[in-house]
Protein backbone atom coordinates (compact mmCIF):
# COMPACT_ATOMS: atom_id res chain seq x y z
CA MET A 1 -13.94 8.03 -28.32
CA ALA A 2 -12.57 10.71 -26.08
CA THR A 3 -14.93 12.62 -23.84
CA ASP A 4 -15.31 16.35 -24.42
CA SER A 5 -15.11 17.47 -20.78
CA ALA A 6 -16.15 21.01 -21.66
CA ALA A 7 -19.43 19.69 -23.07
CA MET A 8 -20.16 17.48 -20.06
CA GLU A 9 -22.81 18.68 -17.69
CA PRO A 10 -21.54 19.71 -14.23
CA LYS A 11 -22.81 16.59 -12.46
CA ALA A 12 -21.17 14.35 -15.06
CA GLN A 13 -17.85 16.16 -14.55
CA ALA A 14 -18.30 15.82 -10.80
CA ALA A 15 -18.92 12.07 -11.08
CA LEU A 16 -15.92 11.70 -13.39
CA ALA A 17 -13.76 13.63 -10.92
CA LEU A 18 -14.71 11.36 -8.03
CA HIS A 19 -14.12 8.14 -9.95
CA ARG A 20 -10.95 9.16 -11.80
CA PHE A 21 -9.16 11.16 -9.12
CA GLY A 22 -10.77 9.90 -5.91
CA PHE A 23 -12.27 6.77 -4.41
CA GLY A 24 -15.76 7.28 -5.81
CA PRO A 25 -18.79 9.17 -4.45
CA ARG A 26 -20.18 9.03 -0.96
CA PRO A 27 -23.86 9.94 -0.45
CA GLY A 28 -24.36 13.44 -1.82
CA GLY A 29 -20.80 13.61 -3.12
CA ILE A 30 -21.61 14.29 -6.77
CA SER A 31 -23.96 17.20 -6.05
CA ALA A 32 -21.57 18.66 -3.48
CA ILE A 33 -18.82 19.35 -6.03
CA ALA A 34 -20.88 19.88 -9.19
CA SER A 35 -20.37 23.65 -9.15
CA ASP A 36 -16.58 23.30 -9.55
CA PRO A 37 -15.36 19.70 -9.94
CA ARG A 38 -11.75 20.54 -10.80
CA GLY A 39 -11.50 23.09 -8.03
CA ALA A 40 -12.87 20.55 -5.57
CA VAL A 41 -10.31 17.97 -6.62
CA LEU A 42 -7.46 20.46 -6.25
CA ALA A 43 -8.83 21.54 -2.87
CA ASP A 44 -8.17 17.99 -1.68
CA LEU A 45 -4.47 18.90 -1.81
CA LYS A 46 -4.55 21.08 1.28
CA ALA A 47 -1.79 21.38 3.87
CA GLY A 48 -1.36 18.13 5.76
CA ALA A 49 -3.21 16.12 3.12
CA GLY A 50 -2.48 12.43 3.39
CA LEU A 51 -1.22 12.50 6.98
CA ILE A 52 -2.72 10.21 9.63
CA ASP A 53 -2.84 11.64 13.14
CA ASN A 54 -3.27 8.61 15.38
CA PRO A 55 -1.09 8.52 18.51
CA ASP A 56 -2.05 4.89 19.12
CA LEU A 57 -0.11 3.73 16.04
CA LEU A 58 3.50 2.73 16.63
CA SER A 59 6.47 4.25 14.90
CA GLY A 60 8.53 1.97 12.72
CA SER A 61 11.19 1.47 15.37
CA GLU A 62 8.59 0.89 18.09
CA ALA A 63 6.90 -1.70 15.90
CA ALA A 64 10.22 -3.43 15.26
CA ARG A 65 11.00 -3.59 18.98
CA ALA A 66 7.48 -4.82 19.83
CA ALA A 67 7.75 -7.56 17.23
CA PHE A 68 11.20 -8.55 18.50
CA ASP A 69 9.95 -8.72 22.10
CA PHE A 70 7.00 -10.85 20.97
CA ARG A 71 9.29 -13.29 19.18
CA GLN A 72 11.56 -13.52 22.20
CA GLU A 73 8.60 -14.20 24.52
CA ARG A 74 7.30 -16.86 22.17
CA LYS A 75 10.70 -18.56 22.10
CA ALA A 76 10.83 -18.47 25.89
CA ALA A 77 7.32 -19.96 26.12
CA ARG A 78 8.30 -22.81 23.79
CA LEU A 79 11.38 -23.50 25.89
CA VAL A 80 9.31 -23.62 29.09
CA ALA A 81 6.82 -25.97 27.42
CA GLN A 82 9.63 -28.30 26.36
CA ILE A 83 11.02 -28.37 29.90
CA ASP A 84 7.56 -29.05 31.35
CA ALA A 85 7.03 -31.88 28.86
CA GLN A 86 10.35 -33.46 29.80
CA GLU A 87 9.52 -33.22 33.52
CA ALA A 88 6.08 -34.71 32.96
CA ALA A 89 7.59 -37.66 31.12
CA LYS A 90 9.78 -38.40 34.14
CA ALA A 91 6.89 -38.20 36.67
CA PRO A 92 5.15 -41.44 37.82
CA GLN A 93 2.00 -42.46 35.97
CA ALA A 94 -1.28 -41.34 37.53
CA SER A 95 -3.36 -44.11 39.13
CA GLU A 96 -5.99 -45.86 37.04
CA MET A 97 -8.70 -44.65 39.42
CA ALA A 98 -7.59 -41.04 39.10
CA ASN A 99 -7.67 -41.38 35.33
CA LYS A 100 -11.19 -42.81 35.48
CA GLU A 101 -12.40 -40.04 37.76
CA MET A 102 -10.91 -37.40 35.49
CA ALA A 103 -12.43 -39.06 32.45
CA GLY A 104 -15.82 -39.05 34.16
CA GLU A 105 -15.56 -35.38 34.98
CA MET A 106 -14.63 -34.55 31.42
CA ALA A 107 -17.52 -36.62 30.09
CA ASN A 108 -19.93 -34.75 32.35
CA LYS A 109 -18.59 -31.45 31.12
CA ASP A 110 -18.92 -32.55 27.52
CA MET A 111 -22.51 -33.63 28.10
CA ALA A 112 -23.35 -30.38 29.83
CA LYS A 113 -21.92 -28.13 27.08
CA PRO A 114 -21.25 -30.10 23.90
CA GLU A 115 -21.06 -26.95 21.78
CA GLU A 116 -18.29 -25.55 23.99
CA ALA A 117 -16.40 -28.83 24.00
CA ASN A 118 -16.35 -28.98 20.21
CA LYS A 119 -15.73 -25.31 19.58
CA PRO A 120 -12.13 -24.56 18.57
CA PRO A 121 -10.38 -21.82 20.53
CA ARG A 122 -10.41 -18.42 18.86
CA GLN A 123 -6.98 -17.63 17.54
CA GLN A 124 -5.65 -14.23 18.52
CA PRO A 125 -3.23 -12.60 16.11
CA GLY A 126 0.36 -12.27 17.22
CA VAL A 127 1.88 -8.86 17.80
CA PRO A 128 3.27 -8.39 14.24
CA GLN A 129 -0.11 -9.26 12.72
CA GLN A 130 -1.99 -7.09 15.20
CA ILE A 131 0.20 -4.11 14.29
CA TYR A 132 -0.40 -4.87 10.61
CA LEU A 133 -4.20 -4.93 11.12
CA GLU A 134 -4.26 -1.69 13.13
CA GLU A 135 -2.31 0.05 10.38
CA ALA A 136 -4.62 -1.45 7.75
CA LYS A 137 -7.67 -0.04 9.52
CA ALA A 138 -6.12 3.42 9.69
CA ARG A 139 -5.43 3.25 5.96
CA TYR A 140 -8.93 2.10 5.04
CA ASP A 141 -10.58 4.66 7.31
CA ALA A 142 -8.60 7.45 5.66
CA ALA A 143 -9.83 6.37 2.22
CA LEU A 144 -13.44 5.85 3.33
CA ASN A 145 -13.69 9.19 5.15
CA ALA A 146 -12.04 11.41 2.54
CA ASN A 147 -14.30 13.91 0.79
CA ILE A 148 -12.83 13.07 -2.60
CA GLY A 149 -9.75 10.97 -1.95
CA LEU A 150 -7.09 12.36 -4.29
CA ALA A 151 -4.55 12.67 -1.48
CA GLU A 152 -5.21 9.09 -0.41
CA ARG A 153 -5.00 7.90 -4.00
CA LEU A 154 -1.57 9.55 -4.17
CA VAL A 155 -0.55 7.74 -0.98
CA TRP A 156 -1.62 4.42 -2.49
CA PHE A 157 0.18 5.21 -5.75
CA TRP A 158 3.47 6.19 -4.15
CA SER A 159 3.32 3.38 -1.60
CA ASN A 160 3.03 0.93 -4.51
CA HIS A 161 5.80 2.71 -6.42
CA PHE A 162 8.15 2.43 -3.43
CA CYS A 163 6.67 -0.87 -2.31
CA VAL A 164 7.76 -3.17 0.49
CA SER A 165 6.17 -6.52 1.27
CA ALA A 166 4.68 -7.87 4.49
CA ASP A 167 5.41 -11.36 3.20
CA LYS A 168 9.03 -10.83 4.16
CA GLY A 169 8.70 -11.69 7.86
CA PRO A 170 10.51 -8.84 9.66
CA THR A 171 8.88 -6.29 7.36
CA ARG A 172 5.24 -7.13 8.24
CA PRO A 173 4.91 -4.98 11.40
CA LEU A 174 6.71 -2.09 9.67
CA CYS A 175 4.59 -1.73 6.50
CA GLY A 176 2.05 0.71 7.91
CA ALA A 177 4.63 2.81 9.72
CA TYR A 178 6.72 2.89 6.54
CA GLU A 179 3.80 4.31 4.60
CA ARG A 180 3.04 6.87 7.32
CA GLU A 181 6.67 7.93 7.80
CA ALA A 182 8.26 7.69 4.34
CA ILE A 183 5.33 8.24 1.94
CA ARG A 184 2.51 10.30 3.48
CA PRO A 185 4.57 13.36 4.54
CA HIS A 186 5.99 13.75 1.03
CA ILE A 187 3.14 13.17 -1.46
CA LEU A 188 2.98 16.93 -2.11
CA GLY A 189 6.64 17.71 -1.41
CA LYS A 190 9.87 17.14 -3.29
CA PHE A 191 10.31 13.78 -4.97
CA SER A 192 13.91 13.69 -3.76
CA ASP A 193 12.75 13.94 -0.14
CA MET A 194 10.35 11.02 -0.56
CA LEU A 195 13.05 9.05 -2.35
CA ILE A 196 15.55 9.47 0.49
CA ALA A 197 12.92 8.79 3.15
CA ALA A 198 11.81 5.58 1.42
CA GLU A 199 15.26 4.18 0.64
CA SER A 200 16.60 4.82 4.13
CA HIS A 201 13.58 3.49 5.99
CA PRO A 202 14.19 0.24 7.92
CA ALA A 203 11.28 -1.45 6.11
CA MET A 204 12.96 -0.89 2.73
CA LEU A 205 16.39 -1.82 4.06
CA LEU A 206 14.96 -5.11 5.33
CA TYR A 207 12.82 -5.83 2.28
CA LEU A 208 15.63 -5.37 -0.24
CA ASP A 209 18.39 -6.73 2.01
CA ASN A 210 20.52 -3.61 2.27
CA ALA A 211 20.64 -3.79 6.07
CA ARG A 212 23.18 -6.60 5.70
CA SER A 213 25.01 -5.33 2.62
CA ILE A 214 28.70 -5.00 3.44
CA GLY A 215 31.40 -3.31 1.40
CA PRO A 216 34.03 -5.90 0.39
CA SER A 217 36.86 -3.56 1.39
CA SER A 218 35.16 -2.21 4.51
CA ILE A 219 36.34 -3.11 8.02
CA ALA A 220 33.44 -5.55 8.44
CA GLY A 221 33.91 -6.95 4.94
CA LEU A 222 37.60 -7.70 5.44
CA ARG A 223 36.96 -9.35 8.81
CA GLN A 224 33.80 -11.31 8.01
CA GLY A 225 34.30 -12.14 4.37
CA LYS A 226 30.70 -11.14 3.62
CA GLY A 227 29.92 -9.13 0.57
CA LEU A 228 27.78 -6.73 -1.34
CA ASN A 229 24.04 -6.99 -1.92
CA GLU A 230 22.88 -5.09 -5.00
CA ASN A 231 19.11 -5.51 -4.60
CA LEU A 232 18.28 -2.04 -3.28
CA ALA A 233 20.65 -0.22 -5.63
CA ARG A 234 19.22 -2.01 -8.66
CA GLU A 235 15.58 -1.37 -7.74
CA ILE A 236 16.25 2.30 -6.98
CA LEU A 237 17.65 2.86 -10.48
CA GLU A 238 15.37 0.46 -12.36
CA LEU A 239 12.03 0.95 -10.61
CA HIS A 240 12.09 3.96 -8.31
CA THR A 241 13.86 6.58 -10.43
CA LEU A 242 15.34 6.20 -13.93
CA GLY A 243 13.25 3.32 -15.26
CA VAL A 244 14.13 0.01 -16.89
CA ARG A 245 16.82 0.03 -19.58
CA THR A 246 17.52 3.74 -19.55
CA VAL A 247 20.81 5.52 -18.79
CA TYR A 248 22.49 3.17 -16.29
CA ASN A 249 24.42 -0.09 -16.66
CA GLN A 250 25.54 -2.92 -14.40
CA THR A 251 28.65 -1.04 -13.30
CA ASP A 252 26.46 1.81 -12.11
CA VAL A 253 24.37 -0.66 -10.09
CA THR A 254 27.45 -2.19 -8.46
CA ASN A 255 29.03 1.16 -7.67
CA PHE A 256 25.79 2.52 -6.26
CA ALA A 257 25.43 -0.60 -4.12
CA LYS A 258 28.86 0.19 -2.69
CA VAL A 259 27.79 3.77 -2.01
CA ILE A 260 24.86 2.70 0.17
CA THR A 261 26.70 0.02 2.15
CA GLY A 262 26.42 0.91 5.81
CA TRP A 263 22.78 2.00 5.45
CA SER A 264 21.49 -0.36 8.07
CA ILE A 265 19.31 -0.85 11.19
CA VAL A 266 20.07 -0.82 14.90
CA PRO A 267 19.48 -4.43 16.07
CA PRO A 268 16.70 -4.53 18.73
CA LYS A 269 18.62 -7.33 20.44
CA ARG A 270 21.56 -5.05 21.12
CA ASP A 271 19.74 -1.81 21.85
CA PRO A 272 16.30 -2.01 23.53
CA GLU A 273 15.90 1.76 23.34
CA HIS A 274 16.89 2.50 19.73
CA GLY A 275 16.53 -0.92 18.14
CA GLY A 276 14.79 -0.84 14.77
CA GLU A 277 15.98 2.68 13.92
CA PHE A 278 18.01 3.59 10.85
CA THR A 279 21.74 3.80 11.37
CA PHE A 280 24.73 4.47 9.18
CA ASN A 281 27.43 1.96 10.08
CA PRO A 282 30.84 3.17 8.81
CA ARG A 283 32.39 -0.22 9.52
CA MET A 284 30.17 -1.73 6.80
CA HIS A 285 30.62 1.13 4.31
CA GLU A 286 32.78 0.56 1.24
CA PRO A 287 35.58 3.17 1.37
CA GLY A 288 36.52 5.37 -1.55
CA ALA A 289 34.94 7.48 -4.29
CA GLN A 290 32.46 5.88 -6.70
CA THR A 291 31.25 6.78 -10.19
CA VAL A 292 27.52 6.43 -10.86
CA ILE A 293 26.00 7.40 -14.22
CA GLY A 294 29.00 9.49 -15.16
CA ASN A 295 29.21 11.43 -11.90
CA ASN A 296 31.96 11.00 -9.35
CA TYR A 297 30.99 10.91 -5.67
CA PRO A 298 33.69 11.29 -3.00
CA ASP A 299 33.49 9.12 0.10
CA ILE A 300 31.66 11.28 2.62
CA GLY A 301 29.91 8.47 4.44
CA PHE A 302 26.13 8.59 4.52
CA GLU A 303 26.08 11.81 2.49
CA GLN A 304 27.63 9.97 -0.45
CA GLY A 305 24.40 8.02 -0.85
CA ARG A 306 22.21 11.08 -0.39
CA ALA A 307 24.17 12.86 -3.13
CA VAL A 308 23.51 10.06 -5.62
CA LEU A 309 19.80 10.00 -4.75
CA HIS A 310 19.51 13.77 -5.17
CA ASP A 311 21.04 13.55 -8.64
CA VAL A 312 18.98 10.63 -9.93
CA ALA A 313 15.83 12.24 -8.48
CA ARG A 314 16.32 15.22 -10.82
CA HIS A 315 17.38 13.24 -13.89
CA PRO A 316 15.29 13.67 -17.08
CA ALA A 317 14.84 9.89 -17.29
CA THR A 318 13.33 9.92 -13.80
CA ALA A 319 10.99 12.76 -14.73
CA ARG A 320 9.74 10.82 -17.77
CA HIS A 321 9.39 7.59 -15.79
CA ILE A 322 7.37 9.20 -12.99
CA ALA A 323 5.22 11.23 -15.39
CA THR A 324 4.31 8.12 -17.36
CA LYS A 325 3.43 6.12 -14.24
CA LEU A 326 1.24 8.90 -12.82
CA ALA A 327 -0.63 9.37 -16.08
CA ARG A 328 -1.09 5.63 -16.47
CA HIS A 329 -2.40 5.25 -12.93
CA PHE A 330 -4.97 8.04 -13.06
CA VAL A 331 -5.94 8.30 -16.72
CA ALA A 332 -5.21 5.46 -19.15
CA ASP A 333 -3.11 2.34 -19.68
CA GLU A 334 -1.66 4.11 -22.73
CA PRO A 335 -1.57 7.66 -21.35
CA PRO A 336 -1.95 10.62 -23.74
CA PRO A 337 1.56 11.58 -24.92
CA LEU A 338 0.80 15.27 -24.50
CA LEU A 339 -0.15 14.69 -20.86
CA VAL A 340 3.07 12.76 -20.21
CA ASP A 341 5.04 15.59 -21.83
CA LYS A 342 3.34 18.19 -19.62
CA LEU A 343 4.00 16.21 -16.44
CA THR A 344 7.61 15.55 -17.42
CA LYS A 345 8.25 19.23 -18.09
CA ARG A 346 6.64 20.32 -14.84
CA PHE A 347 8.66 17.75 -12.90
CA LEU A 348 11.90 19.05 -14.42
CA ASP A 349 10.99 22.75 -14.16
CA THR A 350 10.22 22.43 -10.45
CA GLN A 351 12.95 19.87 -9.62
CA GLY A 352 10.37 17.25 -8.70
CA ASP A 353 7.82 19.35 -6.81
CA LEU A 354 5.01 16.81 -6.53
CA MET A 355 2.39 19.41 -5.61
CA GLU A 356 3.08 21.17 -8.91
CA VAL A 357 3.13 17.91 -10.84
CA THR A 358 -0.19 16.84 -9.31
CA ASN A 359 -1.74 20.24 -10.05
CA THR A 360 -0.68 19.83 -13.66
CA LEU A 361 -2.19 16.34 -13.77
CA VAL A 362 -5.58 17.55 -12.48
CA SER A 363 -5.62 20.76 -14.53
CA ALA A 364 -4.66 19.21 -17.89
CA PRO A 365 -7.60 18.77 -20.31
CA GLU A 366 -6.14 15.43 -21.38
CA SER A 367 -6.76 14.05 -17.89
CA TRP A 368 -10.48 14.70 -18.27
CA GLU A 369 -10.96 13.95 -21.95
CA ALA A 370 -9.58 10.41 -21.94
CA PRO A 371 -12.32 7.76 -22.24
CA ARG A 372 -13.35 5.90 -19.10
CA ALA A 373 -11.73 2.64 -20.17
CA LYS A 374 -9.27 2.04 -17.34
CA LEU A 375 -10.19 -0.66 -14.84
CA LYS A 376 -9.94 0.27 -11.18
CA LYS A 377 -7.50 -1.80 -9.17
CA PRO A 378 -9.12 -4.19 -6.68
CA GLY A 379 -8.48 -2.15 -3.54
CA GLU A 380 -9.80 1.03 -5.15
CA TRP A 381 -12.95 -0.74 -6.37
CA ALA A 382 -13.52 -2.18 -2.88
CA MET A 383 -13.20 1.29 -1.31
CA ALA A 384 -15.58 2.74 -3.91
CA ALA A 385 -18.12 0.01 -3.13
CA MET A 386 -17.88 0.68 0.60
CA ARG A 387 -18.17 4.46 0.14
CA THR A 388 -21.23 4.11 -2.07
CA THR A 389 -23.01 1.73 0.30
CA GLY A 390 -21.90 3.35 3.56
CA LEU A 391 -20.09 0.25 4.79
CA ALA A 392 -17.43 0.87 7.45
CA ALA A 393 -14.25 -1.08 8.08
CA GLN A 394 -15.39 -2.20 11.53
CA ASP A 395 -13.84 -5.67 11.20
CA VAL A 396 -10.68 -4.83 9.33
CA ARG A 397 -9.87 -8.50 8.80
CA ARG A 398 -12.83 -8.79 6.44
CA VAL A 399 -11.60 -5.92 4.31
CA VAL A 400 -8.08 -7.36 4.29
CA ASN A 401 -9.53 -10.70 3.21
CA VAL A 402 -11.44 -8.99 0.41
CA GLN A 403 -8.19 -7.59 -0.97
CA ASN A 404 -6.61 -11.03 -0.64
CA LEU A 405 -9.47 -12.61 -2.57
CA LEU A 406 -9.28 -9.97 -5.29
CA GLY A 407 -5.58 -10.57 -5.87
CA GLU A 408 -4.16 -7.37 -4.41
CA PRO A 409 -3.26 -8.31 -0.83
CA LEU A 410 -2.49 -5.25 1.26
CA TRP A 411 1.23 -4.36 1.34
CA ARG A 412 2.06 -7.77 -0.16
CA PRO A 413 3.20 -7.36 -3.78
CA SER A 414 4.86 -10.43 -5.25
CA ALA A 415 7.86 -8.44 -6.50
CA PRO A 416 9.59 -5.07 -5.94
CA LYS A 417 7.88 -3.61 -9.01
CA GLY A 418 4.62 -3.53 -7.06
CA PHE A 419 1.13 -4.29 -8.30
CA SER A 420 0.41 -3.68 -11.97
CA ASP A 421 -1.38 -0.51 -13.05
CA ASN A 422 -2.52 -2.05 -16.34
CA SER A 423 -6.15 -3.10 -16.66
CA ALA A 424 -5.28 -6.44 -18.27
CA ALA A 425 -3.66 -7.61 -15.03
CA TRP A 426 -7.02 -7.50 -13.22
CA LEU A 427 -9.46 -8.86 -15.79
CA ASP A 428 -9.18 -12.42 -14.49
CA GLY A 429 -10.44 -11.28 -11.09
CA MET A 430 -13.87 -10.13 -12.24
CA ALA A 431 -15.52 -13.33 -10.98
CA GLN A 432 -14.17 -12.58 -7.50
CA ARG A 433 -15.49 -9.02 -7.74
CA LEU A 434 -18.92 -10.45 -8.53
CA ASP A 435 -18.74 -12.62 -5.40
CA ILE A 436 -17.90 -9.56 -3.30
CA ALA A 437 -20.62 -7.47 -4.97
CA ASN A 438 -23.19 -10.16 -4.14
CA GLN A 439 -22.01 -10.25 -0.52
CA VAL A 440 -22.30 -6.46 -0.24
CA GLY A 441 -25.75 -6.65 -1.81
CA ARG A 442 -26.90 -9.16 0.79
CA ILE A 443 -25.52 -7.05 3.64
CA VAL A 444 -26.91 -3.64 2.70
CA GLY A 445 -29.13 -4.14 -0.33
CA ASN A 446 -32.43 -4.08 1.57
CA LYS A 447 -31.58 -0.81 3.31
CA GLY A 448 -31.58 2.74 2.10
CA GLN A 449 -32.26 3.96 -1.43
CA GLU A 450 -34.37 2.62 -4.24
CA PRO A 451 -32.41 1.20 -7.23
CA ASP A 452 -32.75 4.40 -9.29
CA GLU A 453 -31.50 6.45 -6.38
CA MET A 454 -28.52 4.12 -5.93
CA VAL A 455 -27.50 4.62 -9.56
CA ASP A 456 -27.70 8.41 -9.21
CA LEU A 457 -25.71 8.27 -5.99
CA ALA A 458 -22.91 6.12 -7.41
CA LEU A 459 -22.69 7.23 -11.04
CA GLY A 460 -25.01 10.14 -11.74
CA PRO A 461 -25.04 11.05 -15.43
CA LEU A 462 -22.21 8.60 -16.14
CA ALA A 463 -24.65 5.70 -15.91
CA SER A 464 -25.65 4.30 -19.30
CA ARG A 465 -29.20 3.44 -20.24
CA ASP A 466 -28.29 -0.27 -20.17
CA THR A 467 -27.00 0.00 -16.61
CA ARG A 468 -30.07 1.87 -15.43
CA GLU A 469 -32.36 -0.70 -17.04
CA ALA A 470 -30.42 -3.65 -15.61
CA VAL A 471 -30.53 -2.24 -12.10
CA LYS A 472 -34.20 -1.30 -12.41
CA ARG A 473 -35.20 -4.79 -13.59
CA ALA A 474 -33.34 -6.60 -10.80
CA GLU A 475 -35.41 -9.11 -8.86
CA SER A 476 -34.44 -7.63 -5.51
CA ARG A 477 -32.60 -4.71 -3.95
CA PRO A 478 -29.55 -6.87 -3.10
CA GLN A 479 -29.35 -7.97 -6.73
CA ALA A 480 -29.80 -4.39 -7.93
CA LEU A 481 -26.90 -3.23 -5.77
CA ALA A 482 -24.67 -6.07 -6.96
CA LEU A 483 -25.45 -5.19 -10.59
CA LEU A 484 -24.61 -1.56 -9.89
CA LEU A 485 -21.25 -2.41 -8.33
CA MET A 486 -20.42 -4.63 -11.31
CA ALA A 487 -21.55 -2.09 -13.92
CA PRO A 488 -18.77 -1.07 -16.37
CA GLU A 489 -19.18 2.56 -15.36
CA PHE A 490 -18.54 1.69 -11.71
CA GLN A 491 -15.62 -0.61 -12.47
CA ARG A 492 -13.76 1.97 -14.47
CA ARG A 493 -12.19 5.33 -13.91
């Protein structure tokens, strides 16, 4: 049954707001917004929302150059090691006495500190992984420290919509910078601006192979005999804008792929100062006008691609596709048709103004009246658990490992469509959530509030009688906390 939001008491609306639109309550969070839950959610969309101001984080091009330098140093080290090994093989054998003396010394050392002798050396992450972890911590901290978290939820949504994957080697050190540079500045701006920023970012050009896509009739194509790569063009039309099986066909994909040939990256090997930056290479660009979805686009270099993106960003099919995904993410697997219609209309009326679309999402009664049946995705549930218990992401590797265990590894979707937003995709991972809940219970369960207080902190009036009784009857505080984190009301939006 749908929930009558008007009949809900203020604290129940506040708890619903935090779970549906944010990352769940922090201590005192429900009471803090009970006077005006909707207003508090909308207030999360202030100027600069979603941005991360951390001068220690590298830009995308800096990260690309740092990773390139690391790989070059590692290659050089391997070469030196090979030379040393060859020289050692040529050297005369050490005397038997010297070997015995050395063996004796080593034995003495082993006897003196057997635990040190048997302890494996601690592995330090390489530069690409270290950059990845620093970016991960910045992302987690932003979610954990947000008052409500709507802006961060939007970042996570759009980052998954325009996903790249760290599993594609060169992309790993760029994932965090990509999110900060292409997604965060635009979550409340024009959809077309985010679209262009995402599709032209080096992380996307690497992930979907456009950096090496060459027009068959371009200067480079005629000389090298290399051809077109349609991956980015197809995913832009199919996943990022118009939606699967809508108004485009294979010819549109091919022509659009030709339009964005030349969208590439400055090689760090050739340019130590600007390596890793976006570049438009006219020698790779397919010459001539192209027709995409019934519109003709003259050959004006890089601007030819921008023109196509501007048009598909404002297309009615794109508006419907984005509206449906937003409603599905925040409200229900089968979103209320009236809500989808409202979001679609607002998108079209404002030419993709995402602030206006988000305001409509939060203000619509349908967003509040839908039953709390939608399962939180693993990363969102983990953040909610940490916010409720006061855990910090001090060792970011542990949090990253939690997401790995739960089946939603950070910035590592298995395909360009990103992680699923349907509850059914995550049901099989409930056993892993229970393992994590038990671990959290053991870490913090004996500290802080009594079980009843924990329920009020995390769920307030949303908690059912069964949940309250189960938590109250737990044999220990750690078990009570684990039961709370696994309660249906905590698992769902």
